[in-house]
Amino acid sequence: MDTKLLCAVEEYRNGRRLHAPAYPKTEKIDEEIAAVIDQRIHVGMDEESLYELVLRYIRRLNNDNFYRKNGNLNEAAFYQQALIDKSTWSELRWNQVVPTKKTLLKLVIALHLNEAEATELMHKGSSSFDPKDIRDQIILALIDLRRYDICEVYDVLEEYRLNGPRPFENIYTMH
């Protein structure tokens, strides 16, 4: 299918007139043809949601603990290991609320993301790494060192929280 035609049709449907029409105007567009064109224009253009991005990264981990015997993904095993509660996961799944930065940081660690992937995930969750935030600096350093063990991350964060120059909230609440 000619992409110029698809673009011209989309421009027309959006009410924008082209300066020099690439194709002659027709009096009437068949509704079925318009529906097919609309479908083809939008194939692959739907943006991946945060939940879909997380699922893609979970599959990439290739951890047998995250799969059931029938081969389906066991999301509960993942979010429990990431120390994310069921209600937060459900809200993330159904795109009900914007997740907290704390939840996003837990996902970054649990998914073993590199810095670029972590930045993308944070952006999808309407957050970002703050270069002035000590907690973010620590998380980025741990990512750079490829240290993703939750207990280890907790210990490092707790050490800096207690002895660092500025107090912050640890992303994990372990006692």
N, C-alpha and C. Protein backbone atom coordinates (compact mmCIF):
# COMPACT_ATOMS: atom_id res chain seq x y z
N MET A 1 0.85 -1.18 0.00
CA MET A 1 0.00 0.00 0.00
C MET A 1 0.89 1.23 0.00
N ASP A 2 0.52 2.20 -0.75
CA ASP A 2 1.27 3.44 -0.88
C ASP A 2 1.11 4.28 0.38
N THR A 3 2.21 4.55 1.06
CA THR A 3 2.14 5.30 2.31
C THR A 3 1.74 6.76 2.10
N LYS A 4 2.06 7.33 0.93
CA LYS A 4 1.65 8.71 0.67
C LYS A 4 0.14 8.82 0.62
N LEU A 5 -0.48 7.81 0.06
CA LEU A 5 -1.93 7.79 0.01
C LEU A 5 -2.51 7.69 1.42
N LEU A 6 -1.94 6.80 2.21
CA LEU A 6 -2.41 6.64 3.58
C LEU A 6 -2.26 7.93 4.36
N CYS A 7 -1.15 8.59 4.19
CA CYS A 7 -0.93 9.87 4.87
C CYS A 7 -1.92 10.92 4.38
N ALA A 8 -2.14 10.96 3.10
CA ALA A 8 -3.09 11.93 2.54
C ALA A 8 -4.49 11.68 3.08
N VAL A 9 -4.88 10.43 3.16
CA VAL A 9 -6.20 10.09 3.69
C VAL A 9 -6.29 10.49 5.16
N GLU A 10 -5.24 10.22 5.92
CA GLU A 10 -5.24 10.58 7.33
C GLU A 10 -5.31 12.09 7.51
N GLU A 11 -4.56 12.82 6.69
CA GLU A 11 -4.62 14.29 6.75
C GLU A 11 -6.03 14.77 6.45
N TYR A 12 -6.64 14.17 5.46
CA TYR A 12 -8.00 14.56 5.09
C TYR A 12 -8.98 14.25 6.23
N ARG A 13 -8.83 13.06 6.83
CA ARG A 13 -9.72 12.66 7.92
C ARG A 13 -9.56 13.57 9.13
N ASN A 14 -8.38 14.11 9.31
CA ASN A 14 -8.14 15.00 10.44
C ASN A 14 -8.55 16.44 10.13
N GLY A 15 -9.07 16.64 8.94
CA GLY A 15 -9.57 17.97 8.60
C GLY A 15 -8.51 18.92 8.12
N ARG A 16 -7.32 18.44 7.87
CA ARG A 16 -6.25 19.31 7.38
C ARG A 16 -6.20 19.22 5.86
N ARG A 17 -6.13 20.34 5.25
CA ARG A 17 -6.05 20.38 3.79
C ARG A 17 -4.59 20.43 3.37
N LEU A 18 -4.26 19.66 2.39
CA LEU A 18 -2.90 19.67 1.85
C LEU A 18 -2.74 20.85 0.91
N HIS A 19 -1.56 21.44 0.88
CA HIS A 19 -1.30 22.57 0.00
C HIS A 19 -1.42 22.15 -1.46
N ALA A 20 -0.78 21.06 -1.79
CA ALA A 20 -0.86 20.53 -3.16
C ALA A 20 -1.30 19.09 -3.03
N PRO A 21 -2.56 18.79 -3.32
CA PRO A 21 -3.02 17.41 -3.12
C PRO A 21 -2.21 16.42 -3.95
N ALA A 22 -1.75 15.38 -3.26
CA ALA A 22 -0.97 14.34 -3.94
C ALA A 22 -1.89 13.46 -4.78
N TYR A 23 -3.16 13.38 -4.40
CA TYR A 23 -4.11 12.55 -5.10
C TYR A 23 -5.38 13.37 -5.33
N PRO A 24 -6.04 13.13 -6.43
CA PRO A 24 -7.27 13.87 -6.68
C PRO A 24 -8.32 13.53 -5.63
N LYS A 25 -9.06 14.55 -5.24
CA LYS A 25 -10.13 14.34 -4.27
C LYS A 25 -11.27 13.56 -4.90
N THR A 26 -11.87 12.72 -4.10
CA THR A 26 -13.06 12.02 -4.56
C THR A 26 -14.25 12.62 -3.83
N GLU A 27 -15.37 12.47 -4.41
CA GLU A 27 -16.57 13.04 -3.79
C GLU A 27 -16.93 12.33 -2.49
N LYS A 28 -16.79 11.01 -2.48
CA LYS A 28 -17.21 10.25 -1.31
C LYS A 28 -16.25 9.08 -1.12
N ILE A 29 -15.86 8.83 0.12
CA ILE A 29 -14.99 7.71 0.44
C ILE A 29 -15.85 6.61 1.01
N ASP A 30 -15.70 5.43 0.46
CA ASP A 30 -16.43 4.27 0.95
C ASP A 30 -16.03 4.02 2.41
N GLU A 31 -16.99 3.85 3.30
CA GLU A 31 -16.71 3.70 4.73
C GLU A 31 -15.87 2.47 5.03
N GLU A 32 -16.08 1.37 4.32
CA GLU A 32 -15.29 0.16 4.54
C GLU A 32 -13.83 0.39 4.16
N ILE A 33 -13.62 1.07 3.04
CA ILE A 33 -12.25 1.38 2.61
C ILE A 33 -11.59 2.30 3.62
N ALA A 34 -12.32 3.30 4.09
CA ALA A 34 -11.78 4.22 5.09
C ALA A 34 -11.40 3.48 6.37
N ALA A 35 -12.21 2.50 6.78
CA ALA A 35 -11.92 1.72 7.98
C ALA A 35 -10.65 0.89 7.80
N VAL A 36 -10.48 0.28 6.64
CA VAL A 36 -9.28 -0.52 6.37
C VAL A 36 -8.04 0.38 6.37
N ILE A 37 -8.17 1.53 5.72
CA ILE A 37 -7.04 2.48 5.68
C ILE A 37 -6.70 2.94 7.09
N ASP A 38 -7.70 3.27 7.87
CA ASP A 38 -7.48 3.71 9.24
C ASP A 38 -6.77 2.64 10.05
N GLN A 39 -7.19 1.40 9.88
CA GLN A 39 -6.57 0.29 10.60
C GLN A 39 -5.11 0.13 10.20
N ARG A 40 -4.82 0.22 8.91
CA ARG A 40 -3.44 0.06 8.44
C ARG A 40 -2.55 1.20 8.88
N ILE A 41 -3.10 2.40 8.94
CA ILE A 41 -2.30 3.54 9.39
C ILE A 41 -1.87 3.36 10.83
N HIS A 42 -2.77 2.84 11.65
CA HIS A 42 -2.50 2.75 13.08
C HIS A 42 -1.83 1.45 13.52
N VAL A 43 -1.58 0.53 12.60
CA VAL A 43 -0.88 -0.70 12.95
C VAL A 43 0.55 -0.34 13.34
N GLY A 44 0.94 -0.76 14.52
CA GLY A 44 2.30 -0.51 14.99
C GLY A 44 2.49 0.88 15.56
N MET A 45 1.48 1.72 15.50
CA MET A 45 1.64 3.08 16.01
C MET A 45 1.16 3.19 17.45
N ASP A 46 0.43 2.19 17.92
CA ASP A 46 -0.02 2.23 19.30
C ASP A 46 1.20 2.12 20.20
N GLU A 47 1.30 3.05 21.13
CA GLU A 47 2.44 3.08 22.01
C GLU A 47 2.33 1.98 23.05
N GLU A 48 3.43 1.35 23.33
CA GLU A 48 3.48 0.28 24.32
C GLU A 48 3.25 0.88 25.70
N SER A 49 2.36 0.28 26.46
CA SER A 49 2.08 0.77 27.81
C SER A 49 3.21 0.36 28.75
N LEU A 50 3.22 0.96 29.92
CA LEU A 50 4.22 0.61 30.93
C LEU A 50 4.10 -0.86 31.30
N TYR A 51 2.88 -1.33 31.47
CA TYR A 51 2.64 -2.74 31.81
C TYR A 51 3.20 -3.67 30.73
N GLU A 52 2.93 -3.36 29.47
CA GLU A 52 3.43 -4.18 28.36
C GLU A 52 4.96 -4.17 28.32
N LEU A 53 5.55 -3.02 28.60
CA LEU A 53 7.00 -2.91 28.64
C LEU A 53 7.57 -3.80 29.75
N VAL A 54 6.95 -3.75 30.91
CA VAL A 54 7.39 -4.58 32.03
C VAL A 54 7.28 -6.07 31.68
N LEU A 55 6.17 -6.46 31.07
CA LEU A 55 6.01 -7.87 30.68
C LEU A 55 7.09 -8.30 29.69
N ARG A 56 7.42 -7.41 28.77
CA ARG A 56 8.48 -7.74 27.79
C ARG A 56 9.81 -7.97 28.51
N TYR A 57 10.11 -7.13 29.49
CA TYR A 57 11.35 -7.30 30.25
C TYR A 57 11.32 -8.54 31.14
N ILE A 58 10.16 -8.88 31.68
CA ILE A 58 10.04 -10.10 32.49
C ILE A 58 10.35 -11.32 31.62
N ARG A 59 9.78 -11.35 30.43
CA ARG A 59 10.03 -12.48 29.52
C ARG A 59 11.52 -12.57 29.16
N ARG A 60 12.15 -11.42 29.02
CA ARG A 60 13.56 -11.40 28.67
C ARG A 60 14.42 -11.98 29.79
N LEU A 61 13.96 -11.85 31.03
CA LEU A 61 14.72 -12.42 32.15
C LEU A 61 14.87 -13.93 32.02
N ASN A 62 13.87 -14.56 31.39
CA ASN A 62 13.90 -16.00 31.15
C ASN A 62 14.11 -16.77 32.46
N ASN A 63 13.42 -16.35 33.51
CA ASN A 63 13.51 -16.98 34.82
C ASN A 63 12.38 -18.00 34.93
N ASP A 64 12.73 -19.25 35.14
CA ASP A 64 11.73 -20.33 35.23
C ASP A 64 10.72 -20.09 36.35
N ASN A 65 11.12 -19.37 37.39
CA ASN A 65 10.21 -19.10 38.51
C ASN A 65 9.03 -18.22 38.09
N PHE A 66 9.18 -17.50 37.00
CA PHE A 66 8.13 -16.59 36.56
C PHE A 66 7.18 -17.24 35.55
N TYR A 67 7.29 -18.54 35.37
CA TYR A 67 6.42 -19.25 34.43
C TYR A 67 5.71 -20.39 35.13
N ARG A 68 4.48 -20.61 34.73
CA ARG A 68 3.70 -21.75 35.23
C ARG A 68 4.08 -23.00 34.43
N LYS A 69 3.59 -24.14 34.87
CA LYS A 69 3.87 -25.39 34.17
C LYS A 69 3.34 -25.39 32.75
N ASN A 70 2.22 -24.67 32.52
CA ASN A 70 1.65 -24.62 31.18
C ASN A 70 2.35 -23.61 30.27
N GLY A 71 3.37 -22.93 30.79
CA GLY A 71 4.15 -22.00 29.98
C GLY A 71 3.70 -20.56 30.06
N ASN A 72 2.57 -20.30 30.74
CA ASN A 72 2.09 -18.92 30.87
C ASN A 72 2.89 -18.17 31.93
N LEU A 73 2.95 -16.89 31.77
CA LEU A 73 3.68 -16.03 32.69
C LEU A 73 2.98 -16.00 34.04
N ASN A 74 3.73 -16.16 35.11
CA ASN A 74 3.21 -16.08 36.47
C ASN A 74 3.57 -14.71 37.03
N GLU A 75 2.70 -13.73 36.79
CA GLU A 75 2.98 -12.36 37.20
C GLU A 75 3.12 -12.23 38.71
N ALA A 76 2.34 -13.02 39.46
CA ALA A 76 2.39 -12.94 40.92
C ALA A 76 3.79 -13.29 41.43
N ALA A 77 4.42 -14.27 40.84
CA ALA A 77 5.78 -14.64 41.26
C ALA A 77 6.74 -13.48 41.04
N PHE A 78 6.56 -12.77 39.94
CA PHE A 78 7.44 -11.63 39.68
C PHE A 78 7.20 -10.50 40.66
N TYR A 79 5.94 -10.05 40.79
CA TYR A 79 5.74 -8.87 41.63
C TYR A 79 6.01 -9.16 43.10
N GLN A 80 5.86 -10.41 43.53
CA GLN A 80 6.22 -10.76 44.90
C GLN A 80 7.73 -10.72 45.08
N GLN A 81 8.47 -11.21 44.10
CA GLN A 81 9.92 -11.17 44.18
C GLN A 81 10.43 -9.73 44.13
N ALA A 82 9.73 -8.86 43.39
CA ALA A 82 10.12 -7.46 43.28
C ALA A 82 9.67 -6.64 44.50
N LEU A 83 8.95 -7.29 45.42
CA LEU A 83 8.41 -6.66 46.62
C LEU A 83 7.42 -5.54 46.28
N ILE A 84 6.57 -5.83 45.31
CA ILE A 84 5.49 -4.93 44.92
C ILE A 84 4.19 -5.60 45.33
N ASP A 85 3.32 -4.86 46.02
CA ASP A 85 2.08 -5.49 46.50
C ASP A 85 1.09 -5.69 45.37
N LYS A 86 0.13 -6.56 45.63
CA LYS A 86 -0.84 -6.97 44.61
C LYS A 86 -1.68 -5.80 44.10
N SER A 87 -2.09 -4.91 44.98
CA SER A 87 -2.93 -3.78 44.55
C SER A 87 -2.15 -2.82 43.64
N THR A 88 -0.88 -2.61 43.96
CA THR A 88 -0.05 -1.75 43.11
C THR A 88 0.13 -2.39 41.74
N TRP A 89 0.36 -3.71 41.72
CA TRP A 89 0.52 -4.41 40.44
C TRP A 89 -0.77 -4.33 39.62
N SER A 90 -1.90 -4.50 40.29
CA SER A 90 -3.19 -4.42 39.60
C SER A 90 -3.41 -3.03 39.01
N GLU A 91 -3.07 -2.00 39.76
CA GLU A 91 -3.20 -0.63 39.25
C GLU A 91 -2.29 -0.41 38.04
N LEU A 92 -1.10 -0.98 38.10
CA LEU A 92 -0.16 -0.88 36.98
C LEU A 92 -0.73 -1.63 35.78
N ARG A 93 -1.26 -2.80 36.02
CA ARG A 93 -1.79 -3.63 34.94
C ARG A 93 -2.94 -2.96 34.21
N TRP A 94 -3.84 -2.34 34.95
CA TRP A 94 -5.03 -1.73 34.36
C TRP A 94 -4.84 -0.24 34.11
N ASN A 95 -3.62 0.25 34.27
CA ASN A 95 -3.29 1.64 33.97
C ASN A 95 -4.22 2.59 34.72
N GLN A 96 -4.47 2.29 35.99
CA GLN A 96 -5.41 3.07 36.77
C GLN A 96 -4.79 4.33 37.37
N VAL A 97 -3.56 4.24 37.79
CA VAL A 97 -2.87 5.40 38.37
C VAL A 97 -1.44 5.42 37.86
N VAL A 98 -0.82 6.56 38.00
CA VAL A 98 0.60 6.68 37.68
C VAL A 98 1.37 6.05 38.84
N PRO A 99 2.24 5.09 38.57
CA PRO A 99 2.97 4.45 39.67
C PRO A 99 3.93 5.43 40.35
N THR A 100 4.19 5.17 41.61
CA THR A 100 5.12 6.02 42.34
C THR A 100 6.54 5.77 41.85
N LYS A 101 7.39 6.70 42.15
CA LYS A 101 8.80 6.55 41.76
C LYS A 101 9.41 5.35 42.48
N LYS A 102 8.98 5.13 43.70
CA LYS A 102 9.46 3.99 44.48
C LYS A 102 9.13 2.67 43.76
N THR A 103 7.92 2.54 43.26
CA THR A 103 7.52 1.34 42.52
C THR A 103 8.34 1.19 41.25
N LEU A 104 8.54 2.29 40.55
CA LEU A 104 9.32 2.24 39.31
C LEU A 104 10.76 1.80 39.59
N LEU A 105 11.34 2.30 40.68
CA LEU A 105 12.71 1.91 41.02
C LEU A 105 12.78 0.42 41.38
N LYS A 106 11.76 -0.07 42.06
CA LYS A 106 11.71 -1.51 42.36
C LYS A 106 11.66 -2.33 41.08
N LEU A 107 10.87 -1.86 40.12
CA LEU A 107 10.79 -2.57 38.83
C LEU A 107 12.14 -2.55 38.11
N VAL A 108 12.81 -1.42 38.14
CA VAL A 108 14.13 -1.31 37.49
C VAL A 108 15.09 -2.35 38.05
N ILE A 109 15.10 -2.48 39.36
CA ILE A 109 16.00 -3.45 40.00
C ILE A 109 15.56 -4.88 39.70
N ALA A 110 14.29 -5.16 39.85
CA ALA A 110 13.79 -6.53 39.66
C ALA A 110 13.94 -7.01 38.22
N LEU A 111 13.87 -6.09 37.28
CA LEU A 111 13.95 -6.46 35.86
C LEU A 111 15.39 -6.48 35.34
N HIS A 112 16.35 -6.11 36.18
CA HIS A 112 17.78 -6.11 35.81
C HIS A 112 18.04 -5.24 34.58
N LEU A 113 17.50 -4.05 34.60
CA LEU A 113 17.62 -3.16 33.44
C LEU A 113 18.96 -2.44 33.42
N ASN A 114 19.41 -2.11 32.21
CA ASN A 114 20.58 -1.25 32.10
C ASN A 114 20.10 0.20 32.20
N GLU A 115 21.01 1.15 32.15
CA GLU A 115 20.63 2.55 32.37
C GLU A 115 19.65 3.08 31.32
N ALA A 116 19.86 2.73 30.07
CA ALA A 116 18.97 3.21 29.01
C ALA A 116 17.57 2.63 29.18
N GLU A 117 17.49 1.34 29.48
CA GLU A 117 16.19 0.70 29.68
C GLU A 117 15.50 1.25 30.93
N ALA A 118 16.29 1.48 31.97
CA ALA A 118 15.73 2.04 33.21
C ALA A 118 15.17 3.43 32.96
N THR A 119 15.88 4.22 32.19
CA THR A 119 15.42 5.57 31.86
C THR A 119 14.13 5.50 31.07
N GLU A 120 14.05 4.56 30.12
CA GLU A 120 12.84 4.38 29.33
C GLU A 120 11.66 3.99 30.22
N LEU A 121 11.88 3.04 31.13
CA LEU A 121 10.82 2.60 32.02
C LEU A 121 10.36 3.74 32.92
N MET A 122 11.30 4.50 33.45
CA MET A 122 10.95 5.64 34.30
C MET A 122 10.13 6.65 33.51
N HIS A 123 10.53 6.90 32.28
CA HIS A 123 9.81 7.84 31.43
C HIS A 123 8.38 7.36 31.17
N LYS A 124 8.22 6.06 30.89
CA LYS A 124 6.88 5.50 30.67
C LYS A 124 6.01 5.67 31.90
N GLY A 125 6.65 5.63 33.07
CA GLY A 125 5.92 5.78 34.33
C GLY A 125 5.81 7.22 34.78
N SER A 126 6.09 8.16 33.87
CA SER A 126 5.99 9.60 34.15
C SER A 126 6.91 10.05 35.27
N SER A 127 8.12 9.52 35.27
CA SER A 127 9.12 9.91 36.25
C SER A 127 10.47 9.93 35.56
N SER A 128 11.49 10.26 36.30
CA SER A 128 12.84 10.26 35.74
C SER A 128 13.86 10.18 36.87
N PHE A 129 15.08 9.89 36.50
CA PHE A 129 16.16 9.92 37.47
C PHE A 129 16.58 11.36 37.66
N ASP A 130 16.67 11.77 38.92
CA ASP A 130 17.11 13.13 39.25
C ASP A 130 18.60 13.06 39.58
N PRO A 131 19.44 13.74 38.80
CA PRO A 131 20.88 13.65 39.07
C PRO A 131 21.28 14.22 40.43
N LYS A 132 20.42 15.01 41.06
CA LYS A 132 20.73 15.58 42.37
C LYS A 132 20.22 14.72 43.51
N ASP A 133 19.41 13.72 43.21
CA ASP A 133 18.83 12.85 44.23
C ASP A 133 19.83 11.73 44.56
N ILE A 134 20.20 11.64 45.81
CA ILE A 134 21.19 10.64 46.23
C ILE A 134 20.69 9.22 45.96
N ARG A 135 19.40 8.99 46.25
CA ARG A 135 18.83 7.66 46.03
C ARG A 135 18.93 7.26 44.55
N ASP A 136 18.63 8.19 43.67
CA ASP A 136 18.74 7.91 42.23
C ASP A 136 20.18 7.65 41.83
N GLN A 137 21.10 8.40 42.39
CA GLN A 137 22.53 8.20 42.09
C GLN A 137 22.97 6.80 42.51
N ILE A 138 22.49 6.38 43.67
CA ILE A 138 22.84 5.04 44.18
C ILE A 138 22.27 3.96 43.27
N ILE A 139 21.00 4.11 42.90
CA ILE A 139 20.37 3.12 42.02
C ILE A 139 21.11 3.05 40.69
N LEU A 140 21.45 4.20 40.12
CA LEU A 140 22.19 4.21 38.85
C LEU A 140 23.56 3.58 39.00
N ALA A 141 24.22 3.81 40.12
CA ALA A 141 25.52 3.19 40.36
C ALA A 141 25.38 1.66 40.45
N LEU A 142 24.34 1.19 41.14
CA LEU A 142 24.11 -0.25 41.25
C LEU A 142 23.78 -0.87 39.89
N ILE A 143 23.05 -0.12 39.08
CA ILE A 143 22.75 -0.60 37.72
C ILE A 143 24.04 -0.71 36.93
N ASP A 144 24.89 0.31 37.05
CA ASP A 144 26.16 0.30 36.33
C ASP A 144 27.05 -0.86 36.77
N LEU A 145 26.96 -1.19 38.03
CA LEU A 145 27.74 -2.31 38.58
C LEU A 145 27.05 -3.66 38.38
N ARG A 146 25.83 -3.64 37.83
CA ARG A 146 25.02 -4.83 37.60
C ARG A 146 24.76 -5.59 38.90
N ARG A 147 24.41 -4.84 39.93
CA ARG A 147 24.09 -5.42 41.23
C ARG A 147 22.59 -5.30 41.44
N TYR A 148 21.88 -6.42 41.26
CA TYR A 148 20.42 -6.40 41.27
C TYR A 148 19.81 -7.21 42.42
N ASP A 149 20.64 -7.74 43.31
CA ASP A 149 20.13 -8.51 44.44
C ASP A 149 19.40 -7.55 45.39
N ILE A 150 18.12 -7.84 45.66
CA ILE A 150 17.29 -6.92 46.43
C ILE A 150 17.85 -6.68 47.83
N CYS A 151 18.35 -7.71 48.48
CA CYS A 151 18.92 -7.54 49.82
C CYS A 151 20.14 -6.63 49.78
N GLU A 152 20.95 -6.83 48.77
CA GLU A 152 22.15 -6.00 48.60
C GLU A 152 21.77 -4.54 48.32
N VAL A 153 20.79 -4.35 47.45
CA VAL A 153 20.33 -2.99 47.13
C VAL A 153 19.77 -2.34 48.39
N TYR A 154 18.98 -3.09 49.15
CA TYR A 154 18.43 -2.56 50.39
C TYR A 154 19.54 -2.12 51.34
N ASP A 155 20.53 -2.99 51.51
CA ASP A 155 21.62 -2.68 52.43
C ASP A 155 22.37 -1.42 52.02
N VAL A 156 22.67 -1.28 50.76
CA VAL A 156 23.39 -0.09 50.28
C VAL A 156 22.53 1.16 50.48
N LEU A 157 21.27 1.08 50.11
CA LEU A 157 20.38 2.23 50.30
C LEU A 157 20.23 2.59 51.77
N GLU A 158 20.12 1.58 52.60
CA GLU A 158 19.96 1.83 54.04
C GLU A 158 21.22 2.46 54.63
N GLU A 159 22.38 2.00 54.17
CA GLU A 159 23.65 2.58 54.64
C GLU A 159 23.71 4.06 54.30
N TYR A 160 23.39 4.41 53.08
CA TYR A 160 23.40 5.81 52.67
C TYR A 160 22.29 6.61 53.34
N ARG A 161 21.15 5.97 53.56
CA ARG A 161 20.04 6.67 54.22
C ARG A 161 20.43 7.07 55.64
N LEU A 162 21.09 6.16 56.33
CA LEU A 162 21.47 6.42 57.71
C LEU A 162 22.70 7.30 57.84
N ASN A 163 23.65 7.16 56.94
CA ASN A 163 24.94 7.85 57.08
C ASN A 163 25.25 8.85 55.98
N GLY A 164 24.33 9.03 55.06
CA GLY A 164 24.58 9.93 53.94
C GLY A 164 24.36 11.39 54.30
N PRO A 165 24.72 12.27 53.38
CA PRO A 165 24.60 13.70 53.65
C PRO A 165 23.16 14.20 53.70
N ARG A 166 22.25 13.54 53.00
CA ARG A 166 20.84 13.96 52.99
C ARG A 166 19.95 12.74 53.20
N PRO A 167 18.96 12.84 54.07
CA PRO A 167 18.07 11.68 54.28
C PRO A 167 17.16 11.46 53.08
N PHE A 168 16.78 10.23 52.85
CA PHE A 168 15.84 9.87 51.79
C PHE A 168 15.11 8.60 52.22
N GLU A 169 14.05 8.27 51.49
CA GLU A 169 13.28 7.08 51.79
C GLU A 169 13.82 5.90 50.99
N ASN A 170 14.08 4.81 51.69
CA ASN A 170 14.53 3.59 51.04
C ASN A 170 13.36 3.02 50.24
N ILE A 171 13.63 2.49 49.05
CA ILE A 171 12.54 1.96 48.22
C ILE A 171 11.98 0.66 48.78
N TYR A 172 12.73 -0.01 49.63
CA TYR A 172 12.28 -1.27 50.23
C TYR A 172 12.02 -1.04 51.71
N THR A 173 11.00 -1.67 52.22
CA THR A 173 10.69 -1.58 53.64
C THR A 173 10.89 -2.95 54.26
N MET A 174 12.11 -3.26 54.61
CA MET A 174 12.45 -4.55 55.25
C MET A 174 12.90 -4.25 56.66
N HIS A 175 12.52 -5.14 57.55
CA HIS A 175 12.97 -4.98 58.94
C HIS A 175 13.48 -6.29 59.46
